[in-house]
Amino acid sequence: MILHEDGFLKLEYDANTDVLSVPCPDIQEFELLHIHKALSIVVDVLTSYDIKRFLFDSSKSRIDVNGAAFNQLLHQLTLGLVNSRLQKLARVVSADAEREQSIAQFLIQAKGQLPYEVQNFSNKAVALHWLTSK
C-alpha cells in the first residue's frame, strides 16, 4: 500500500510484514529543502502508523552534497526516529565508497543513542529477510 507519493518520494508499506520501504531519492545541493521535507514525511509516517521495520534503499541514489549537509541529513533521519517505535532499520547500500564510509562513521558515533537496530545490506532481499526475522 502506498502511504505517500509525490514524484520525489514514495513510501510503500506492507501491512503483512510491517515494513515501510523507501527508495532514497537523488540528493543535490539545490534540492536540500525538498530532502529535509521528505525526511520529515518519512519520520512522520513511521511514527503515526507505528511502523516497526524500515527498509531504506540507497542502492540507486546519487548524492551530490557536501559532507556537512549530508551529516545533517543523517542526523535528521536517524535521530528523528528516536521517538518512534521503530525496531529495525535496514539500509541497502550504494556503490559510493566515500558515502558508505561517512555513514559507517556516523553510525559508530550514534551507536548507543539509537533505540533501534541498524544494519547495512548489499541487496534488498537479504535486508527484507533480516527485517522480518524474529
N, C-alpha and C. Protein backbone atom coordinates (compact mmCIF):
# COMPACT_ATOMS: atom_id res chain seq x y z
N MET A 1 0.85 -1.16 0.00
CA MET A 1 0.00 0.00 0.00
C MET A 1 0.91 1.23 0.00
N ILE A 2 0.57 2.20 -0.84
CA ILE A 2 1.34 3.44 -0.93
C ILE A 2 0.82 4.40 0.14
N LEU A 3 1.69 4.80 1.06
CA LEU A 3 1.30 5.73 2.12
C LEU A 3 1.57 7.18 1.74
N HIS A 4 2.51 7.37 0.83
CA HIS A 4 2.83 8.72 0.36
C HIS A 4 3.56 8.60 -0.97
N GLU A 5 3.19 9.47 -1.91
CA GLU A 5 3.91 9.54 -3.19
C GLU A 5 3.71 10.93 -3.74
N ASP A 6 4.83 11.57 -4.11
CA ASP A 6 4.72 12.94 -4.61
C ASP A 6 5.65 13.23 -5.79
N GLY A 7 6.13 12.23 -6.48
CA GLY A 7 7.03 12.45 -7.59
C GLY A 7 8.49 12.54 -7.17
N PHE A 8 8.72 12.79 -5.91
CA PHE A 8 10.07 12.88 -5.37
C PHE A 8 10.33 11.74 -4.39
N LEU A 9 9.28 11.36 -3.69
CA LEU A 9 9.40 10.38 -2.62
C LEU A 9 8.22 9.41 -2.69
N LYS A 10 8.52 8.12 -2.49
CA LYS A 10 7.47 7.11 -2.48
C LYS A 10 7.65 6.23 -1.24
N LEU A 11 6.61 6.17 -0.42
CA LEU A 11 6.62 5.35 0.78
C LEU A 11 5.63 4.21 0.59
N GLU A 12 6.16 2.99 0.55
CA GLU A 12 5.33 1.81 0.32
C GLU A 12 5.34 0.94 1.57
N TYR A 13 4.15 0.61 2.06
CA TYR A 13 4.01 -0.15 3.30
C TYR A 13 3.40 -1.51 3.03
N ASP A 14 3.99 -2.54 3.64
CA ASP A 14 3.46 -3.90 3.59
C ASP A 14 2.92 -4.22 4.98
N ALA A 15 1.61 -4.23 5.11
CA ALA A 15 0.97 -4.47 6.41
C ALA A 15 1.22 -5.89 6.92
N ASN A 16 1.43 -6.84 6.03
CA ASN A 16 1.67 -8.22 6.45
C ASN A 16 2.99 -8.38 7.20
N THR A 17 3.99 -7.59 6.81
CA THR A 17 5.31 -7.70 7.44
C THR A 17 5.65 -6.49 8.30
N ASP A 18 4.80 -5.47 8.27
CA ASP A 18 5.03 -4.21 8.99
C ASP A 18 6.35 -3.57 8.55
N VAL A 19 6.57 -3.54 7.22
CA VAL A 19 7.79 -2.96 6.65
C VAL A 19 7.41 -1.77 5.78
N LEU A 20 8.05 -0.64 6.06
CA LEU A 20 7.94 0.54 5.20
C LEU A 20 9.18 0.55 4.31
N SER A 21 8.97 0.55 2.99
CA SER A 21 10.08 0.57 2.03
C SER A 21 10.15 1.94 1.37
N VAL A 22 11.35 2.51 1.37
CA VAL A 22 11.55 3.84 0.80
C VAL A 22 12.83 3.82 -0.03
N PRO A 23 12.72 4.07 -1.34
CA PRO A 23 13.94 4.24 -2.13
C PRO A 23 14.49 5.65 -1.86
N CYS A 24 15.77 5.73 -1.59
CA CYS A 24 16.41 7.02 -1.33
C CYS A 24 16.39 7.84 -2.62
N PRO A 25 15.85 9.05 -2.58
CA PRO A 25 15.87 9.88 -3.79
C PRO A 25 17.29 10.41 -4.05
N ASP A 26 17.52 10.87 -5.28
CA ASP A 26 18.77 11.54 -5.57
C ASP A 26 18.81 12.83 -4.76
N ILE A 27 19.99 13.17 -4.27
CA ILE A 27 20.13 14.34 -3.41
C ILE A 27 21.19 15.26 -4.00
N GLN A 28 20.77 16.49 -4.30
CA GLN A 28 21.69 17.51 -4.80
C GLN A 28 21.52 18.76 -3.97
N GLU A 29 22.56 19.59 -3.95
CA GLU A 29 22.57 20.80 -3.11
C GLU A 29 21.29 21.63 -3.28
N PHE A 30 20.89 21.87 -4.53
CA PHE A 30 19.74 22.75 -4.76
C PHE A 30 18.42 22.14 -4.31
N GLU A 31 18.41 20.86 -3.96
CA GLU A 31 17.18 20.19 -3.51
C GLU A 31 17.15 19.92 -2.02
N LEU A 32 18.05 20.51 -1.26
CA LEU A 32 18.13 20.21 0.17
C LEU A 32 16.82 20.50 0.91
N LEU A 33 16.13 21.57 0.55
CA LEU A 33 14.84 21.85 1.22
C LEU A 33 13.84 20.73 0.97
N HIS A 34 13.81 20.22 -0.26
CA HIS A 34 12.92 19.09 -0.58
C HIS A 34 13.32 17.85 0.21
N ILE A 35 14.61 17.63 0.34
CA ILE A 35 15.10 16.46 1.07
C ILE A 35 14.73 16.54 2.54
N HIS A 36 14.92 17.71 3.15
CA HIS A 36 14.55 17.87 4.56
C HIS A 36 13.06 17.61 4.76
N LYS A 37 12.25 18.13 3.83
CA LYS A 37 10.80 17.90 3.92
C LYS A 37 10.49 16.41 3.74
N ALA A 38 11.16 15.76 2.79
CA ALA A 38 10.94 14.34 2.54
C ALA A 38 11.29 13.50 3.77
N LEU A 39 12.40 13.82 4.42
CA LEU A 39 12.80 13.08 5.62
C LEU A 39 11.80 13.30 6.75
N SER A 40 11.27 14.51 6.85
CA SER A 40 10.22 14.78 7.85
C SER A 40 8.98 13.93 7.59
N ILE A 41 8.64 13.78 6.32
CA ILE A 41 7.49 12.96 5.95
C ILE A 41 7.74 11.50 6.34
N VAL A 42 8.94 11.00 6.06
CA VAL A 42 9.28 9.61 6.42
C VAL A 42 9.15 9.41 7.93
N VAL A 43 9.72 10.32 8.70
CA VAL A 43 9.64 10.22 10.17
C VAL A 43 8.19 10.29 10.63
N ASP A 44 7.41 11.22 10.08
CA ASP A 44 6.00 11.36 10.47
C ASP A 44 5.21 10.09 10.16
N VAL A 45 5.43 9.51 8.98
CA VAL A 45 4.70 8.30 8.60
C VAL A 45 5.09 7.12 9.50
N LEU A 46 6.38 6.93 9.72
CA LEU A 46 6.82 5.84 10.60
C LEU A 46 6.24 5.99 12.00
N THR A 47 6.17 7.20 12.48
CA THR A 47 5.65 7.46 13.83
C THR A 47 4.14 7.32 13.88
N SER A 48 3.44 7.97 12.96
CA SER A 48 1.98 7.98 13.04
C SER A 48 1.36 6.62 12.72
N TYR A 49 2.01 5.82 11.88
CA TYR A 49 1.50 4.48 11.57
C TYR A 49 2.08 3.42 12.50
N ASP A 50 2.93 3.84 13.43
CA ASP A 50 3.53 2.93 14.41
C ASP A 50 4.26 1.76 13.74
N ILE A 51 5.01 2.08 12.69
CA ILE A 51 5.73 1.07 11.92
C ILE A 51 7.01 0.68 12.65
N LYS A 52 7.29 -0.61 12.67
CA LYS A 52 8.43 -1.12 13.43
C LYS A 52 9.63 -1.50 12.57
N ARG A 53 9.42 -1.65 11.25
CA ARG A 53 10.51 -2.08 10.37
C ARG A 53 10.60 -1.14 9.17
N PHE A 54 11.83 -0.71 8.86
CA PHE A 54 12.05 0.30 7.83
C PHE A 54 13.16 -0.15 6.89
N LEU A 55 12.84 -0.22 5.61
CA LEU A 55 13.83 -0.55 4.58
C LEU A 55 14.12 0.71 3.78
N PHE A 56 15.36 1.18 3.85
CA PHE A 56 15.79 2.38 3.14
C PHE A 56 16.78 1.95 2.07
N ASP A 57 16.37 2.05 0.81
CA ASP A 57 17.16 1.54 -0.31
C ASP A 57 17.97 2.67 -0.96
N SER A 58 19.26 2.69 -0.67
CA SER A 58 20.16 3.72 -1.21
C SER A 58 20.92 3.23 -2.43
N SER A 59 20.61 2.05 -2.91
CA SER A 59 21.42 1.41 -3.94
C SER A 59 21.45 2.16 -5.27
N LYS A 60 20.40 2.88 -5.60
CA LYS A 60 20.34 3.54 -6.90
C LYS A 60 20.41 5.06 -6.81
N SER A 61 20.53 5.59 -5.62
CA SER A 61 20.51 7.04 -5.47
C SER A 61 21.88 7.66 -5.72
N ARG A 62 21.84 8.88 -6.20
CA ARG A 62 23.06 9.67 -6.38
C ARG A 62 23.01 10.81 -5.38
N ILE A 63 24.12 11.05 -4.71
CA ILE A 63 24.16 12.11 -3.71
C ILE A 63 25.29 13.06 -4.06
N ASP A 64 24.93 14.33 -4.19
CA ASP A 64 25.90 15.36 -4.56
C ASP A 64 25.73 16.56 -3.62
N VAL A 65 26.09 16.35 -2.36
CA VAL A 65 26.07 17.44 -1.36
C VAL A 65 27.36 17.35 -0.56
N ASN A 66 27.71 18.45 0.09
CA ASN A 66 28.94 18.44 0.89
C ASN A 66 28.75 17.59 2.14
N GLY A 67 29.86 17.25 2.77
CA GLY A 67 29.84 16.36 3.93
C GLY A 67 29.01 16.87 5.08
N ALA A 68 29.06 18.17 5.36
CA ALA A 68 28.30 18.74 6.48
C ALA A 68 26.80 18.62 6.22
N ALA A 69 26.38 18.92 5.00
CA ALA A 69 24.95 18.82 4.66
C ALA A 69 24.49 17.37 4.72
N PHE A 70 25.33 16.46 4.27
CA PHE A 70 24.98 15.04 4.30
C PHE A 70 24.84 14.55 5.73
N ASN A 71 25.77 14.94 6.60
CA ASN A 71 25.68 14.55 8.01
C ASN A 71 24.44 15.11 8.67
N GLN A 72 24.05 16.32 8.29
CA GLN A 72 22.83 16.91 8.83
C GLN A 72 21.61 16.07 8.43
N LEU A 73 21.60 15.59 7.19
CA LEU A 73 20.50 14.73 6.73
C LEU A 73 20.47 13.41 7.51
N LEU A 74 21.65 12.83 7.73
CA LEU A 74 21.73 11.60 8.52
C LEU A 74 21.18 11.81 9.93
N HIS A 75 21.57 12.92 10.55
CA HIS A 75 21.06 13.24 11.89
C HIS A 75 19.54 13.39 11.88
N GLN A 76 19.04 14.13 10.89
CA GLN A 76 17.60 14.37 10.84
C GLN A 76 16.82 13.05 10.77
N LEU A 77 17.27 12.14 9.94
CA LEU A 77 16.55 10.88 9.79
C LEU A 77 16.73 9.97 11.01
N THR A 78 17.95 9.67 11.37
CA THR A 78 18.17 8.68 12.43
C THR A 78 17.71 9.17 13.79
N LEU A 79 17.99 10.42 14.10
CA LEU A 79 17.58 10.94 15.40
C LEU A 79 16.10 11.30 15.43
N GLY A 80 15.53 11.62 14.26
CA GLY A 80 14.09 11.86 14.18
C GLY A 80 13.29 10.62 14.51
N LEU A 81 13.88 9.47 14.27
CA LEU A 81 13.20 8.20 14.53
C LEU A 81 13.33 7.72 15.97
N VAL A 82 14.11 8.41 16.78
CA VAL A 82 14.32 8.01 18.17
C VAL A 82 13.01 7.95 18.94
N ASN A 83 12.10 8.86 18.67
CA ASN A 83 10.82 8.90 19.40
C ASN A 83 9.74 8.04 18.76
N SER A 84 10.09 7.32 17.71
CA SER A 84 9.13 6.40 17.10
C SER A 84 9.24 5.04 17.80
N ARG A 85 8.44 4.09 17.35
CA ARG A 85 8.54 2.73 17.91
C ARG A 85 9.30 1.80 16.97
N LEU A 86 10.08 2.40 16.07
CA LEU A 86 10.89 1.63 15.14
C LEU A 86 11.80 0.67 15.90
N GLN A 87 11.88 -0.56 15.39
CA GLN A 87 12.75 -1.57 15.99
C GLN A 87 13.95 -1.90 15.12
N LYS A 88 13.74 -1.90 13.79
CA LYS A 88 14.81 -2.27 12.86
C LYS A 88 14.82 -1.35 11.65
N LEU A 89 16.02 -0.90 11.29
CA LEU A 89 16.23 -0.13 10.07
C LEU A 89 17.26 -0.88 9.23
N ALA A 90 16.84 -1.31 8.04
CA ALA A 90 17.75 -1.99 7.11
C ALA A 90 18.04 -1.04 5.97
N ARG A 91 19.31 -0.88 5.67
CA ARG A 91 19.73 0.01 4.60
C ARG A 91 20.39 -0.79 3.50
N VAL A 92 19.92 -0.63 2.27
CA VAL A 92 20.59 -1.23 1.12
C VAL A 92 21.62 -0.20 0.67
N VAL A 93 22.89 -0.60 0.68
CA VAL A 93 23.99 0.33 0.47
C VAL A 93 24.14 0.71 -1.00
N SER A 94 24.86 1.81 -1.21
CA SER A 94 25.17 2.28 -2.55
C SER A 94 26.56 1.80 -2.95
N ALA A 95 26.93 2.07 -4.19
CA ALA A 95 28.27 1.71 -4.67
C ALA A 95 29.28 2.82 -4.37
N ASP A 96 28.83 3.91 -3.76
CA ASP A 96 29.68 5.07 -3.46
C ASP A 96 30.45 4.81 -2.15
N ALA A 97 31.70 4.42 -2.28
CA ALA A 97 32.52 4.04 -1.11
C ALA A 97 32.69 5.20 -0.13
N GLU A 98 32.84 6.41 -0.65
CA GLU A 98 33.01 7.58 0.23
C GLU A 98 31.76 7.82 1.06
N ARG A 99 30.60 7.74 0.43
CA ARG A 99 29.34 7.92 1.15
C ARG A 99 29.16 6.83 2.20
N GLU A 100 29.45 5.59 1.83
CA GLU A 100 29.29 4.49 2.77
C GLU A 100 30.23 4.62 3.97
N GLN A 101 31.44 5.12 3.74
CA GLN A 101 32.38 5.35 4.83
C GLN A 101 31.84 6.42 5.78
N SER A 102 31.28 7.48 5.21
CA SER A 102 30.70 8.56 6.02
C SER A 102 29.54 8.04 6.86
N ILE A 103 28.70 7.21 6.28
CA ILE A 103 27.56 6.64 7.01
C ILE A 103 28.05 5.70 8.11
N ALA A 104 29.05 4.90 7.80
CA ALA A 104 29.61 3.97 8.80
C ALA A 104 30.16 4.74 10.00
N GLN A 105 30.87 5.83 9.75
CA GLN A 105 31.40 6.65 10.84
C GLN A 105 30.28 7.27 11.65
N PHE A 106 29.24 7.75 10.97
CA PHE A 106 28.10 8.34 11.66
C PHE A 106 27.43 7.31 12.57
N LEU A 107 27.23 6.10 12.06
CA LEU A 107 26.56 5.06 12.85
C LEU A 107 27.40 4.62 14.05
N ILE A 108 28.71 4.63 13.91
CA ILE A 108 29.58 4.31 15.04
C ILE A 108 29.40 5.35 16.14
N GLN A 109 29.35 6.63 15.75
CA GLN A 109 29.17 7.71 16.72
C GLN A 109 27.78 7.68 17.34
N ALA A 110 26.77 7.29 16.56
CA ALA A 110 25.39 7.29 17.05
C ALA A 110 25.04 6.05 17.85
N LYS A 111 25.89 5.04 17.78
CA LYS A 111 25.59 3.78 18.48
C LYS A 111 25.36 4.06 19.96
N GLY A 112 24.35 3.45 20.51
CA GLY A 112 24.00 3.68 21.91
C GLY A 112 22.95 4.77 22.07
N GLN A 113 22.86 5.67 21.10
CA GLN A 113 21.84 6.73 21.14
C GLN A 113 20.57 6.29 20.42
N LEU A 114 20.69 5.28 19.59
CA LEU A 114 19.55 4.84 18.78
C LEU A 114 18.88 3.64 19.44
N PRO A 115 17.57 3.74 19.71
CA PRO A 115 16.87 2.64 20.37
C PRO A 115 16.42 1.54 19.40
N TYR A 116 16.89 1.59 18.18
CA TYR A 116 16.54 0.59 17.18
C TYR A 116 17.82 0.06 16.54
N GLU A 117 17.71 -1.14 15.97
CA GLU A 117 18.85 -1.77 15.30
C GLU A 117 19.00 -1.20 13.89
N VAL A 118 20.25 -1.04 13.46
CA VAL A 118 20.55 -0.60 12.10
C VAL A 118 21.52 -1.59 11.48
N GLN A 119 21.19 -2.07 10.29
CA GLN A 119 22.08 -2.97 9.55
C GLN A 119 22.14 -2.53 8.10
N ASN A 120 23.32 -2.65 7.51
CA ASN A 120 23.52 -2.37 6.09
C ASN A 120 23.58 -3.67 5.32
N PHE A 121 23.01 -3.67 4.11
CA PHE A 121 22.97 -4.86 3.27
C PHE A 121 23.31 -4.49 1.84
N SER A 122 23.85 -5.46 1.11
CA SER A 122 24.19 -5.22 -0.28
C SER A 122 23.03 -5.53 -1.22
N ASN A 123 22.01 -6.22 -0.72
CA ASN A 123 20.84 -6.45 -1.58
C ASN A 123 19.54 -6.42 -0.78
N LYS A 124 18.50 -6.08 -1.50
CA LYS A 124 17.19 -5.84 -0.88
C LYS A 124 16.58 -7.11 -0.28
N ALA A 125 16.72 -8.24 -0.95
CA ALA A 125 16.12 -9.49 -0.47
C ALA A 125 16.69 -9.88 0.90
N VAL A 126 17.99 -9.76 1.06
CA VAL A 126 18.62 -10.10 2.34
C VAL A 126 18.18 -9.11 3.42
N ALA A 127 18.07 -7.85 3.05
CA ALA A 127 17.61 -6.83 4.01
C ALA A 127 16.20 -7.12 4.48
N LEU A 128 15.31 -7.47 3.55
CA LEU A 128 13.93 -7.80 3.92
C LEU A 128 13.87 -9.04 4.80
N HIS A 129 14.71 -10.02 4.51
CA HIS A 129 14.74 -11.23 5.34
C HIS A 129 15.14 -10.87 6.77
N TRP A 130 16.16 -10.04 6.92
CA TRP A 130 16.60 -9.63 8.26
C TRP A 130 15.49 -8.86 8.98
N LEU A 131 14.84 -7.95 8.25
CA LEU A 131 13.77 -7.15 8.87
C LEU A 131 12.64 -8.01 9.39
N THR A 132 12.29 -9.04 8.65
CA THR A 132 11.11 -9.83 9.01
C THR A 132 11.43 -11.03 9.89
N SER A 133 12.71 -11.28 10.15
CA SER A 133 13.06 -12.38 11.05
C SER A 133 12.89 -11.92 12.49
N LYS A 134 12.64 -12.86 13.37
CA LYS A 134 12.40 -12.52 14.79
C LYS A 134 13.67 -12.29 15.52
